[in-house]
């Protein structure tokens, strides 16, 4: 096989692969996205779940910040116990 035939074969393989991928995406209702920012969910349940997950993550980040502050502060063990109890009570 000479170099010209090899180039033609590579182009043909890539083209066939792209066509097959497009057909599969069309059959299964998938879309080709370049980045996550391009994706906008149309399902209300997905939007609500995403919103809830973002709120959960925000809450967890706040708790981590509090825990880091509690651990890194130079407190006595009784102060640390009170801080931990306060965190437990706010969780309920």
PDB file of N, CA and C in Angstrom:
ATOM      1  N   UNK A   1       0.851  -1.165   0.000  1.00  0.00           N
ATOM      2  CA  UNK A   1       0.000   0.000   0.000  1.00  0.00           C
ATOM      3  C   UNK A   1       0.903   1.235   0.000  1.00  0.00           C
ATOM      4  N   UNK A   2       0.659   2.097  -0.987  1.00  0.00           N
ATOM      5  CA  UNK A   2       1.474   3.303  -1.056  1.00  0.00           C
ATOM      6  C   UNK A   2       0.911   4.382  -0.115  1.00  0.00           C
ATOM      7  N   UNK A   3       1.659   5.446   0.152  1.00  0.00           N
ATOM      8  CA  UNK A   3       1.224   6.477   1.108  1.00  0.00           C
ATOM      9  C   UNK A   3      -0.095   7.143   0.728  1.00  0.00           C
ATOM     10  N   UNK A   4      -0.335   7.344  -0.558  1.00  0.00           N
ATOM     11  CA  UNK A   4      -1.575   7.973  -0.985  1.00  0.00           C
ATOM     12  C   UNK A   4      -2.779   7.107  -0.624  1.00  0.00           C
ATOM     13  N   UNK A   5      -2.680   5.813  -0.858  1.00  0.00           N
ATOM     14  CA  UNK A   5      -3.769   4.900  -0.514  1.00  0.00           C
ATOM     15  C   UNK A   5      -3.982   4.854   0.999  1.00  0.00           C
ATOM     16  N   UNK A   6      -2.895   4.942   1.763  1.00  0.00           N
ATOM     17  CA  UNK A   6      -2.993   4.928   3.213  1.00  0.00           C
ATOM     18  C   UNK A   6      -3.745   6.173   3.714  1.00  0.00           C
ATOM     19  N   UNK A   7      -3.456   7.321   3.155  1.00  0.00           N
ATOM     20  CA  UNK A   7      -4.145   8.564   3.535  1.00  0.00           C
ATOM     21  C   UNK A   7      -5.627   8.455   3.201  1.00  0.00           C
ATOM     22  N   UNK A   8      -5.952   7.947   2.039  1.00  0.00           N
ATOM     23  CA  UNK A   8      -7.346   7.772   1.632  1.00  0.00           C
ATOM     24  C   UNK A   8      -8.048   6.809   2.589  1.00  0.00           C
ATOM     25  N   UNK A   9      -7.379   5.725   2.965  1.00  0.00           N
ATOM     26  CA  UNK A   9      -7.971   4.747   3.875  1.00  0.00           C
ATOM     27  C   UNK A   9      -8.233   5.369   5.247  1.00  0.00           C
ATOM     28  N   UNK A  10      -7.300   6.162   5.755  1.00  0.00           N
ATOM     29  CA  UNK A  10      -7.483   6.814   7.061  1.00  0.00           C
ATOM     30  C   UNK A  10      -8.651   7.789   7.021  1.00  0.00           C
ATOM     31  N   UNK A  11      -8.731   8.591   5.972  1.00  0.00           N
ATOM     32  CA  UNK A  11      -9.836   9.548   5.828  1.00  0.00           C
ATOM     33  C   UNK A  11     -11.166   8.808   5.737  1.00  0.00           C
ATOM     34  N   UNK A  12     -11.196   7.716   5.011  1.00  0.00           N
ATOM     35  CA  UNK A  12     -12.432   6.942   4.873  1.00  0.00           C
ATOM     36  C   UNK A  12     -12.838   6.340   6.213  1.00  0.00           C
ATOM     37  N   UNK A  13     -11.896   5.818   6.985  1.00  0.00           N
ATOM     38  CA  UNK A  13     -12.215   5.233   8.291  1.00  0.00           C
ATOM     39  C   UNK A  13     -12.768   6.294   9.229  1.00  0.00           C
ATOM     40  N   UNK A  14     -12.147   7.467   9.261  1.00  0.00           N
ATOM     41  CA  UNK A  14     -12.607   8.550  10.128  1.00  0.00           C
ATOM     42  C   UNK A  14     -13.999   9.010   9.717  1.00  0.00           C
ATOM     43  N   UNK A  15     -14.230   9.118   8.437  1.00  0.00           N
ATOM     44  CA  UNK A  15     -15.537   9.548   7.951  1.00  0.00           C
ATOM     45  C   UNK A  15     -16.620   8.535   8.307  1.00  0.00           C
ATOM     46  N   UNK A  16     -16.348   7.272   8.104  1.00  0.00           N
ATOM     47  CA  UNK A  16     -17.318   6.227   8.441  1.00  0.00           C
ATOM     48  C   UNK A  16     -17.586   6.238   9.947  1.00  0.00           C
ATOM     49  N   UNK A  17     -16.553   6.410  10.753  1.00  0.00           N
ATOM     50  CA  UNK A  17     -16.729   6.478  12.197  1.00  0.00           C
ATOM     51  C   UNK A  17     -17.600   7.643  12.612  1.00  0.00           C
ATOM     52  N   UNK A  18     -17.392   8.804  12.000  1.00  0.00           N
ATOM     53  CA  UNK A  18     -18.204   9.983  12.331  1.00  0.00           C
ATOM     54  C   UNK A  18     -19.662   9.773  11.933  1.00  0.00           C
ATOM     55  N   UNK A  19     -19.881   9.156  10.805  1.00  0.00           N
ATOM     56  CA  UNK A  19     -21.254   8.892  10.358  1.00  0.00           C
ATOM     57  C   UNK A  19     -21.940   7.902  11.299  1.00  0.00           C
ATOM     58  N   UNK A  20     -21.239   6.851  11.683  1.00  0.00           N
ATOM     59  CA  UNK A  20     -21.808   5.851  12.596  1.00  0.00           C
ATOM     60  C   UNK A  20     -22.131   6.497  13.941  1.00  0.00           C
ATOM     61  N   UNK A  21     -21.217   7.331  14.463  1.00  0.00           N
ATOM     62  CA  UNK A  21     -21.462   8.007  15.742  1.00  0.00           C
ATOM     63  C   UNK A  21     -22.684   8.924  15.648  1.00  0.00           C
ATOM     64  N   UNK A  22     -22.820   9.638  14.549  1.00  0.00           N
ATOM     65  CA  UNK A  22     -23.971  10.522  14.367  1.00  0.00           C
ATOM     66  C   UNK A  22     -25.268   9.726  14.314  1.00  0.00           C
ATOM     67  N   UNK A  23     -25.261   8.615  13.637  1.00  0.00           N
ATOM     68  CA  UNK A  23     -26.464   7.771  13.546  1.00  0.00           C
ATOM     69  C   UNK A  23     -26.825   7.220  14.924  1.00  0.00           C
ATOM     70  N   UNK A  24     -25.835   6.736  15.652  1.00  0.00           N
ATOM     71  CA  UNK A  24     -26.101   6.192  16.993  1.00  0.00           C
ATOM     72  C   UNK A  24     -26.647   7.290  17.905  1.00  0.00           C
ATOM     73  N   UNK A  25     -26.050   8.477  17.863  1.00  0.00           N
ATOM     74  CA  UNK A  25     -26.545   9.585  18.687  1.00  0.00           C
ATOM     75  C   UNK A  25     -27.967   9.961  18.318  1.00  0.00           C
ATOM     76  N   UNK A  26     -28.292   9.921  17.038  1.00  0.00           N
ATOM     77  CA  UNK A  26     -29.646  10.256  16.613  1.00  0.00           C
ATOM     78  C   UNK A  26     -30.646   9.195  17.061  1.00  0.00           C
ATOM     79  N   UNK A  27     -30.262   7.936  17.007  1.00  0.00           N
ATOM     80  CA  UNK A  27     -31.151   6.850  17.404  1.00  0.00           C
ATOM     81  C   UNK A  27     -31.437   6.906  18.898  1.00  0.00           C
ATOM     82  N   UNK A  28     -30.412   7.171  19.707  1.00  0.00           N
ATOM     83  CA  UNK A  28     -30.587   7.173  21.157  1.00  0.00           C
ATOM     84  C   UNK A  28     -30.909   8.553  21.716  1.00  0.00           C
ATOM     85  N   UNK A  29     -31.071   9.538  20.880  1.00  0.00           N
ATOM     86  CA  UNK A  29     -31.463  10.873  21.325  1.00  0.00           C
ATOM     87  C   UNK A  29     -30.356  11.633  22.013  1.00  0.00           C
ATOM     88  N   UNK A  30     -29.130  11.288  21.739  1.00  0.00           N
ATOM     89  CA  UNK A  30     -27.997  11.983  22.335  1.00  0.00           C
ATOM     90  C   UNK A  30     -27.596  13.140  21.451  1.00  0.00           C
ATOM     91  N   UNK A  31     -26.967  14.124  22.056  1.00  0.00           N
ATOM     92  CA  UNK A  31     -26.465  15.234  21.252  1.00  0.00           C
ATOM     93  C   UNK A  31     -24.986  15.391  21.513  1.00  0.00           C
ATOM     94  N   UNK A  32     -24.301  15.886  20.558  1.00  0.00           N
ATOM     95  CA  UNK A  32     -22.859  16.096  20.683  1.00  0.00           C
ATOM     96  C   UNK A  32     -22.638  17.472  21.291  1.00  0.00           C
ATOM     97  N   UNK A  33     -22.076  17.496  22.516  1.00  0.00           N
ATOM     98  CA  UNK A  33     -21.810  18.761  23.188  1.00  0.00           C
ATOM     99  C   UNK A  33     -20.307  18.981  23.254  1.00  0.00           C
ATOM    100  N   UNK A  34     -19.915  20.223  23.045  1.00  0.00           N
ATOM    101  CA  UNK A  34     -18.500  20.544  23.108  1.00  0.00           C
ATOM    102  C   UNK A  34     -18.037  20.773  24.536  1.00  0.00           C
ATOM    103  N   UNK A  35     -18.937  21.246  25.400  1.00  0.00           N
ATOM    104  CA  UNK A  35     -18.578  21.451  26.792  1.00  0.00           C
ATOM    105  C   UNK A  35     -19.818  21.275  27.652  1.00  0.00           C
ATOM    106  N   UNK A  36     -19.596  21.191  28.933  1.00  0.00           N
ATOM    107  CA  UNK A  36     -20.713  21.010  29.859  1.00  0.00           C
ATOM    108  C   UNK A  36     -21.584  22.253  29.910  1.00  0.00           C
ATOM    109  N   UNK A  37     -21.035  23.411  29.576  1.00  0.00           N
ATOM    110  CA  UNK A  37     -21.807  24.651  29.614  1.00  0.00           C
ATOM    111  C   UNK A  37     -22.864  24.697  28.511  1.00  0.00           C
ATOM    112  N   UNK A  38     -22.656  23.938  27.440  1.00  0.00           N
ATOM    113  CA  UNK A  38     -23.608  23.925  26.334  1.00  0.00           C
ATOM    114  C   UNK A  38     -24.866  23.156  26.671  1.00  0.00           C
ATOM    115  N   UNK A  39     -24.805  22.336  27.715  1.00  0.00           N
ATOM    116  CA  UNK A  39     -25.925  21.469  28.065  1.00  0.00           C
ATOM    117  C   UNK A  39     -26.933  22.220  28.918  1.00  0.00           C
ATOM    118  N   UNK A  40     -28.146  22.288  28.467  1.00  0.00           N
ATOM    119  CA  UNK A  40     -29.225  22.859  29.247  1.00  0.00           C
ATOM    120  C   UNK A  40     -30.311  21.806  29.349  1.00  0.00           C
ATOM    121  N   UNK A  41     -30.510  21.257  30.544  1.00  0.00           N
ATOM    122  CA  UNK A  41     -31.527  20.216  30.679  1.00  0.00           C
ATOM    123  C   UNK A  41     -32.923  20.774  30.444  1.00  0.00           C
ATOM    124  N   UNK A  42     -33.745  19.993  29.772  1.00  0.00           N
ATOM    125  CA  UNK A  42     -35.101  20.410  29.461  1.00  0.00           C
ATOM    126  C   UNK A  42     -36.108  19.766  30.396  1.00  0.00           C
ATOM    127  N   UNK A  43     -35.687  18.777  31.131  1.00  0.00           N
ATOM    128  CA  UNK A  43     -36.573  18.064  32.023  1.00  0.00           C
ATOM    129  C   UNK A  43     -36.632  18.798  33.361  1.00  0.00           C
ATOM    130  N   UNK A  44     -37.834  19.099  33.823  1.00  0.00           N
ATOM    131  CA  UNK A  44     -38.011  19.818  35.076  1.00  0.00           C
ATOM    132  C   UNK A  44     -37.460  19.064  36.265  1.00  0.00           C
ATOM    133  N   UNK A  45     -37.571  17.753  36.237  1.00  0.00           N
ATOM    134  CA  UNK A  45     -37.054  16.939  37.341  1.00  0.00           C
ATOM    135  C   UNK A  45     -35.534  17.034  37.416  1.00  0.00           C
ATOM    136  N   UNK A  46     -34.880  17.060  36.274  1.00  0.00           N
ATOM    137  CA  UNK A  46     -33.428  17.169  36.244  1.00  0.00           C
ATOM    138  C   UNK A  46     -32.991  18.535  36.771  1.00  0.00           C
ATOM    139  N   UNK A  47     -33.698  19.570  36.373  1.00  0.00           N
ATOM    140  CA  UNK A  47     -33.380  20.918  36.836  1.00  0.00           C
ATOM    141  C   UNK A  47     -33.554  21.008  38.351  1.00  0.00           C
ATOM    142  N   UNK A  48     -34.646  20.447  38.866  1.00  0.00           N
ATOM    143  CA  UNK A  48     -34.896  20.478  40.306  1.00  0.00           C
ATOM    144  C   UNK A  48     -33.839  19.680  41.059  1.00  0.00           C
ATOM    145  N   UNK A  49     -33.470  18.531  40.520  1.00  0.00           N
ATOM    146  CA  UNK A  49     -32.447  17.711  41.171  1.00  0.00           C
ATOM    147  C   UNK A  49     -31.101  18.427  41.174  1.00  0.00           C
ATOM    148  N   UNK A  50     -30.759  19.061  40.072  1.00  0.00           N
ATOM    149  CA  UNK A  50     -29.507  19.816  40.002  1.00  0.00           C
ATOM    150  C   UNK A  50     -29.496  20.945  41.024  1.00  0.00           C
ATOM    151  N   UNK A  51     -30.607  21.646  41.144  1.00  0.00           N
ATOM    152  CA  UNK A  51     -30.705  22.726  42.114  1.00  0.00           C
ATOM    153  C   UNK A  51     -30.517  22.188  43.529  1.00  0.00           C
ATOM    154  N   UNK A  52     -31.176  21.075  43.838  1.00  0.00           N
ATOM    155  CA  UNK A  52     -31.054  20.476  45.169  1.00  0.00           C
ATOM    156  C   UNK A  52     -29.622  20.023  45.442  1.00  0.00           C
ATOM    157  N   UNK A  53     -28.990  19.410  44.454  1.00  0.00           N
ATOM    158  CA  UNK A  53     -27.603  18.958  44.632  1.00  0.00           C
ATOM    159  C   UNK A  53     -26.658  20.134  44.848  1.00  0.00           C
ATOM    160  N   UNK A  54     -26.889  21.233  44.135  1.00  0.00           N
ATOM    161  CA  UNK A  54     -26.049  22.417  44.328  1.00  0.00           C
ATOM    162  C   UNK A  54     -26.216  22.982  45.731  1.00  0.00           C
ATOM    163  N   UNK A  55     -27.448  22.988  46.241  1.00  0.00           N
ATOM    164  CA  UNK A  55     -27.691  23.458  47.608  1.00  0.00           C
ATOM    165  C   UNK A  55     -27.012  22.535  48.616  1.00  0.00           C
ATOM    166  N   UNK A  56     -27.077  21.239  48.382  1.00  0.00           N
ATOM    167  CA  UNK A  56     -26.421  20.278  49.269  1.00  0.00           C
ATOM    168  C   UNK A  56     -24.907  20.500  49.283  1.00  0.00           C
ATOM    169  N   UNK A  57     -24.337  20.711  48.116  1.00  0.00           N
ATOM    170  CA  UNK A  57     -22.894  20.945  48.032  1.00  0.00           C
ATOM    171  C   UNK A  57     -22.525  22.226  48.752  1.00  0.00           C
ATOM    172  N   UNK A  58     -23.327  23.272  48.563  1.00  0.00           N
ATOM    173  CA  UNK A  58     -23.056  24.534  49.246  1.00  0.00           C
ATOM    174  C   UNK A  58     -23.086  24.340  50.764  1.00  0.00           C
ATOM    175  N   UNK A  59     -24.081  23.598  51.255  1.00  0.00           N
ATOM    176  CA  UNK A  59     -24.173  23.319  52.683  1.00  0.00           C
ATOM    177  C   UNK A  59     -22.985  22.524  53.192  1.00  0.00           C
ATOM    178  N   UNK A  60     -22.565  21.536  52.413  1.00  0.00           N
ATOM    179  CA  UNK A  60     -21.410  20.729  52.810  1.00  0.00           C
ATOM    180  C   UNK A  60     -20.124  21.562  52.842  1.00  0.00           C
ATOM    181  N   UNK A  61     -19.975  22.473  51.893  1.00  0.00           N
ATOM    182  CA  UNK A  61     -18.803  23.343  51.895  1.00  0.00           C
ATOM    183  C   UNK A  61     -18.793  24.228  53.136  1.00  0.00           C
ATOM    184  N   UNK A  62     -19.967  24.728  53.528  1.00  0.00           N
ATOM    185  CA  UNK A  62     -20.053  25.548  54.740  1.00  0.00           C
ATOM    186  C   UNK A  62     -19.683  24.725  55.970  1.00  0.00           C
ATOM    187  N   UNK A  63     -20.173  23.497  56.035  1.00  0.00           N
ATOM    188  CA  UNK A  63     -19.842  22.639  57.183  1.00  0.00           C
ATOM    189  C   UNK A  63     -18.354  22.323  57.226  1.00  0.00           C
ATOM    190  N   UNK A  64     -17.750  22.095  56.073  1.00  0.00           N
ATOM    191  CA  UNK A  64     -16.312  21.831  56.034  1.00  0.00           C
ATOM    192  C   UNK A  64     -15.540  23.046  56.531  1.00  0.00           C
ATOM    193  N   UNK A  65     -15.982  24.238  56.117  1.00  0.00           N
ATOM    194  CA  UNK A  65     -15.304  25.455  56.574  1.00  0.00           C
ATOM    195  C   UNK A  65     -15.404  25.594  58.088  1.00  0.00           C
ATOM    196  N   UNK A  66     -16.570  25.298  58.648  1.00  0.00           N
ATOM    197  CA  UNK A  66     -16.741  25.377  60.096  1.00  0.00           C
ATOM    198  C   UNK A  66     -15.860  24.343  60.784  1.00  0.00           C
ATOM    199  N   UNK A  67     -15.849  23.128  60.266  1.00  0.00           N
ATOM    200  CA  UNK A  67     -15.020  22.090  60.866  1.00  0.00           C
ATOM    201  C   UNK A  67     -13.539  22.449  60.801  1.00  0.00           C
ATOM    202  N   UNK A  68     -13.098  23.018  59.693  1.00  0.00           N
ATOM    203  CA  UNK A  68     -11.708  23.431  59.582  1.00  0.00           C
ATOM    204  C   UNK A  68     -11.390  24.515  60.602  1.00  0.00           C
ATOM    205  N   UNK A  69     -12.318  25.459  60.759  1.00  0.00           N
ATOM    206  CA  UNK A  69     -12.112  26.523  61.733  1.00  0.00           C
ATOM    207  C   UNK A  69     -12.057  25.958  63.142  1.00  0.00           C
ATOM    208  N   UNK A  70     -12.961  25.046  63.463  1.00  0.00           N
ATOM    209  CA  UNK A  70     -13.008  24.463  64.801  1.00  0.00           C
ATOM    210  C   UNK A  70     -11.731  23.679  65.089  1.00  0.00           C
ATOM    211  N   UNK A  71     -11.266  22.930  64.136  1.00  0.00           N
ATOM    212  CA  UNK A  71     -10.090  22.089  64.344  1.00  0.00           C
ATOM    213  C   UNK A  71      -8.821  22.920  64.415  1.00  0.00           C
ATOM    214  N   UNK A  72      -8.701  23.932  63.590  1.00  0.00           N
ATOM    215  CA  UNK A  72      -7.454  24.694  63.538  1.00  0.00           C
ATOM    216  C   UNK A  72      -7.355  25.748  64.626  1.00  0.00           C
ATOM    217  N   UNK A  73      -8.466  26.172  65.197  1.00  0.00           N
ATOM    218  CA  UNK A  73      -8.407  27.124  66.308  1.00  0.00           C
ATOM    219  C   UNK A  73      -7.771  26.452  67.510  1.00  0.00           C
ATOM    220  N   UNK A  74      -7.085  27.245  68.284  1.00  0.00           N
ATOM    221  CA  UNK A  74      -6.465  26.698  69.493  1.00  0.00           C
ATOM    222  C   UNK A  74      -7.455  26.827  70.638  1.00  0.00           C
ATOM    223  N   UNK A  75      -8.301  25.859  70.779  1.00  0.00           N
ATOM    224  CA  UNK A  75      -9.326  25.839  71.809  1.00  0.00           C
ATOM    225  C   UNK A  75      -9.034  24.733  72.803  1.00  0.00           C
ATOM    226  N   UNK A  76      -9.629  24.889  73.949  1.00  0.00           N
ATOM    227  CA  UNK A  76      -9.548  23.805  74.921  1.00  0.00           C
ATOM    228  C   UNK A  76     -10.507  22.708  74.497  1.00  0.00           C
ATOM    229  N   UNK A  77     -10.373  21.567  75.109  1.00  0.00           N
ATOM    230  CA  UNK A  77     -11.228  20.444  74.720  1.00  0.00           C
ATOM    231  C   UNK A  77     -12.686  20.722  75.061  1.00  0.00           C
ATOM    232  N   UNK A  78     -12.960  21.462  76.133  1.00  0.00           N
ATOM    233  CA  UNK A  78     -14.352  21.762  76.480  1.00  0.00           C
ATOM    234  C   UNK A  78     -14.976  22.695  75.451  1.00  0.00           C
ATOM    235  N   UNK A  79     -14.210  23.661  74.958  1.00  0.00           N
ATOM    236  CA  UNK A  79     -14.711  24.559  73.914  1.00  0.00           C
ATOM    237  C   UNK A  79     -14.958  23.769  72.640  1.00  0.00           C
ATOM    238  N   UNK A  80     -14.064  22.867  72.323  1.00  0.00           N
ATOM    239  CA  UNK A  80     -14.222  22.026  71.141  1.00  0.00           C
ATOM    240  C   UNK A  80     -15.459  21.156  71.261  1.00  0.00           C
ATOM    241  N   UNK A  81     -15.690  20.600  72.455  1.00  0.00           N
ATOM    242  CA  UNK A  81     -16.895  19.791  72.678  1.00  0.00           C
ATOM    243  C   UNK A  81     -18.154  20.616  72.480  1.00  0.00           C
ATOM    244  N   UNK A  82     -18.172  21.842  72.980  1.00  0.00           N
ATOM    245  CA  UNK A  82     -19.347  22.715  72.804  1.00  0.00           C
ATOM    246  C   UNK A  82     -19.579  23.041  71.330  1.00  0.00           C
ATOM    247  N   UNK A  83     -18.498  23.317  70.607  1.00  0.00           N
ATOM    248  CA  UNK A  83     -18.627  23.616  69.171  1.00  0.00           C
ATOM    249  C   UNK A  83     -19.193  22.416  68.410  1.00  0.00           C
ATOM    250  N   UNK A  84     -18.721  21.230  68.743  1.00  0.00           N
ATOM    251  CA  UNK A  84     -19.206  20.014  68.075  1.00  0.00           C
ATOM    252  C   UNK A  84     -20.674  19.788  68.416  1.00  0.00           C
ATOM    253  N   UNK A  85     -21.054  19.987  69.663  1.00  0.00           N
ATOM    254  CA  UNK A  85     -22.460  19.839  70.054  1.00  0.00           C
ATOM    255  C   UNK A  85     -23.334  20.848  69.325  1.00  0.00           C
ATOM    256  N   UNK A  86     -22.837  22.072  69.172  1.00  0.00           N
ATOM    257  CA  UNK A  86     -23.594  23.098  68.463  1.00  0.00           C
ATOM    258  C   UNK A  86     -23.802  22.676  67.006  1.00  0.00           C
ATOM    259  N   UNK A  87     -22.764  22.093  66.394  1.00  0.00           N
ATOM    260  CA  UNK A  87     -22.891  21.619  65.017  1.00  0.00           C
ATOM    261  C   UNK A  87     -23.902  20.487  64.924  1.00  0.00           C
ATOM    262  N   UNK A  88     -23.888  19.597  65.879  1.00  0.00           N
ATOM    263  CA  UNK A  88     -24.848  18.485  65.865  1.00  0.00           C
ATOM    264  C   UNK A  88     -26.264  18.993  66.001  1.00  0.00           C
ATOM    265  N   UNK A  89     -26.481  19.997  66.843  1.00  0.00           N
ATOM    266  CA  UNK A  89     -27.824  20.536  67.059  1.00  0.00           C
ATOM    267  C   UNK A  89     -28.331  21.302  65.831  1.00  0.00           C
ATOM    268  N   UNK A  90     -27.451  21.965  65.095  1.00  0.00           N
ATOM    269  CA  UNK A  90     -27.893  22.695  63.900  1.00  0.00           C
ATOM    270  C   UNK A  90     -28.191  21.753  62.751  1.00  0.00           C
ATOM    271  N   UNK A  91     -27.662  20.544  62.809  1.00  0.00           N
ATOM    272  CA  UNK A  91     -27.890  19.563  61.730  1.00  0.00           C
ATOM    273  C   UNK A  91     -29.304  18.999  61.809  1.00  0.00           C
ATOM    274  N   UNK A  92     -29.906  19.013  62.954  1.00  0.00           N
ATOM    275  CA  UNK A  92     -31.226  18.405  63.129  1.00  0.00           C
ATOM    276  C   UNK A  92     -32.321  19.317  62.782  1.00  0.00           C
TER     277      UNK A  92
END
